[in-house]
Protein backbone atom coordinates (compact mmCIF):
# COMPACT_ATOMS: atom_id res chain seq x y z
CA MET A 1 1.92 23.50 -14.86
CA THR A 2 -1.62 23.11 -13.41
CA THR A 3 -3.21 24.34 -10.42
CA ILE A 4 -4.94 21.53 -8.23
CA LYS A 5 -7.49 22.01 -5.45
CA VAL A 6 -6.31 20.66 -1.95
CA PRO A 7 -8.31 21.28 1.56
CA LYS A 8 -6.27 24.04 3.45
CA THR A 9 -5.56 21.41 5.84
CA VAL A 10 -3.55 19.50 3.18
CA ARG A 11 -1.68 22.91 1.97
CA ASP A 12 -0.73 23.58 5.37
CA ARG A 13 0.88 20.20 6.06
CA LEU A 14 2.64 20.13 2.83
CA ASN A 15 3.87 23.65 3.50
CA ALA A 16 5.14 22.70 7.08
CA ILE A 17 7.19 19.89 5.23
CA ALA A 18 8.31 22.34 2.67
CA ASN A 19 9.23 24.87 5.81
CA GLU A 20 11.17 22.08 7.41
CA ARG A 21 13.50 21.17 4.29
CA GLY A 22 14.46 24.73 4.24
CA ARG A 23 14.05 27.96 2.16
CA GLY A 24 13.11 27.59 -1.53
CA THR A 25 11.84 24.07 -0.98
CA THR A 26 8.51 24.02 -3.46
CA LEU A 27 5.71 22.06 -2.88
CA ALA A 28 5.91 20.14 -6.11
CA ALA A 29 9.56 19.14 -4.95
CA VAL A 30 7.80 18.09 -1.34
CA LEU A 31 5.10 15.91 -3.82
CA THR A 32 7.43 14.43 -5.58
CA ASP A 33 9.30 13.44 -2.72
CA LEU A 34 6.40 11.75 -1.17
CA LEU A 35 5.23 9.93 -4.55
CA ASP A 36 8.92 8.76 -4.60
CA GLN A 37 8.51 7.33 -1.12
CA HIS A 38 5.14 5.78 -1.75
CA GLU A 39 6.18 3.87 -4.58
CA THR A 40 9.65 2.51 -2.88
CA GLU A 41 7.54 1.67 0.26
CA LYS A 42 4.88 -0.33 -2.34
CA THR A 43 7.61 -2.22 -4.19
CA ARG A 44 9.12 -3.03 -0.73
CA ALA A 45 6.16 -4.30 0.43
CA ARG A 46 5.65 -6.66 -2.87
CA LEU A 47 9.23 -7.83 -2.56
CA ALA A 48 8.65 -8.75 0.88
CA TYR A 49 5.38 -10.54 -0.10
CA LEU A 50 6.72 -12.31 -2.72
CA GLU A 51 9.64 -13.37 -0.15
CA VAL A 52 6.95 -15.08 2.13
CA LEU A 53 5.51 -16.48 -0.81
CA ALA A 54 8.45 -18.20 -2.06
CA LYS A 55 9.27 -19.79 1.33
CA ALA A 56 5.27 -20.92 1.83
CA GLU A 57 5.68 -22.50 -1.44
CA GLU A 58 8.76 -24.30 -0.54
CA ASP A 59 6.37 -26.12 2.64
CA ALA A 60 4.07 -28.13 0.83
CA GLU A 61 2.41 -28.98 3.83
CA ALA A 62 1.85 -25.41 4.80
CA MET A 63 0.59 -24.71 1.38
CA ALA A 64 -1.93 -27.67 1.66
CA GLY A 65 -3.36 -26.22 4.75
CA ALA A 66 -3.35 -22.63 3.31
CA GLN A 67 -5.77 -24.25 0.36
CA ARG A 68 -7.87 -26.04 2.75
CA GLN A 69 -8.16 -22.78 4.95
CA THR A 70 -9.15 -20.61 1.48
CA GLU A 71 -11.68 -23.13 0.24
CA LYS A 72 -13.36 -23.07 3.46
CA ALA A 73 -13.57 -19.16 3.36
CA ILE A 74 -14.76 -19.33 -0.11
CA GLN A 75 -17.37 -21.81 0.69
CA VAL A 76 -18.43 -19.65 3.87
CA LEU A 77 -18.45 -16.54 1.51
CA GLN A 78 -20.58 -18.15 -1.23
CA ALA A 79 -22.93 -19.26 1.33
CA ARG A 80 -23.58 -16.09 2.77
CA GLU A 81 -24.19 -14.80 -0.57
CA ALA A 82 -26.89 -17.21 -1.14
CA SER A 83 -28.37 -16.92 1.60
CA ARG A 84 -28.99 -12.77 0.84
């Protein structure tokens, strides 16, 4: 075990979650659940991105348009950097 320092407001929010879950719920359990939820949401977002990407790659015309837009954006950013 270790001690972590968190602002009082964060500690209070964690305690509120623990209290909602009932007697005996530890802050460690709350933090573990929050981390698990974060990792799940991150995985879902990545899978959704990959699904969209796969659909986009099936549309060659849309991909070509996206590539042109990307190249234009890069040129604008490079020009902006060069003028600094």
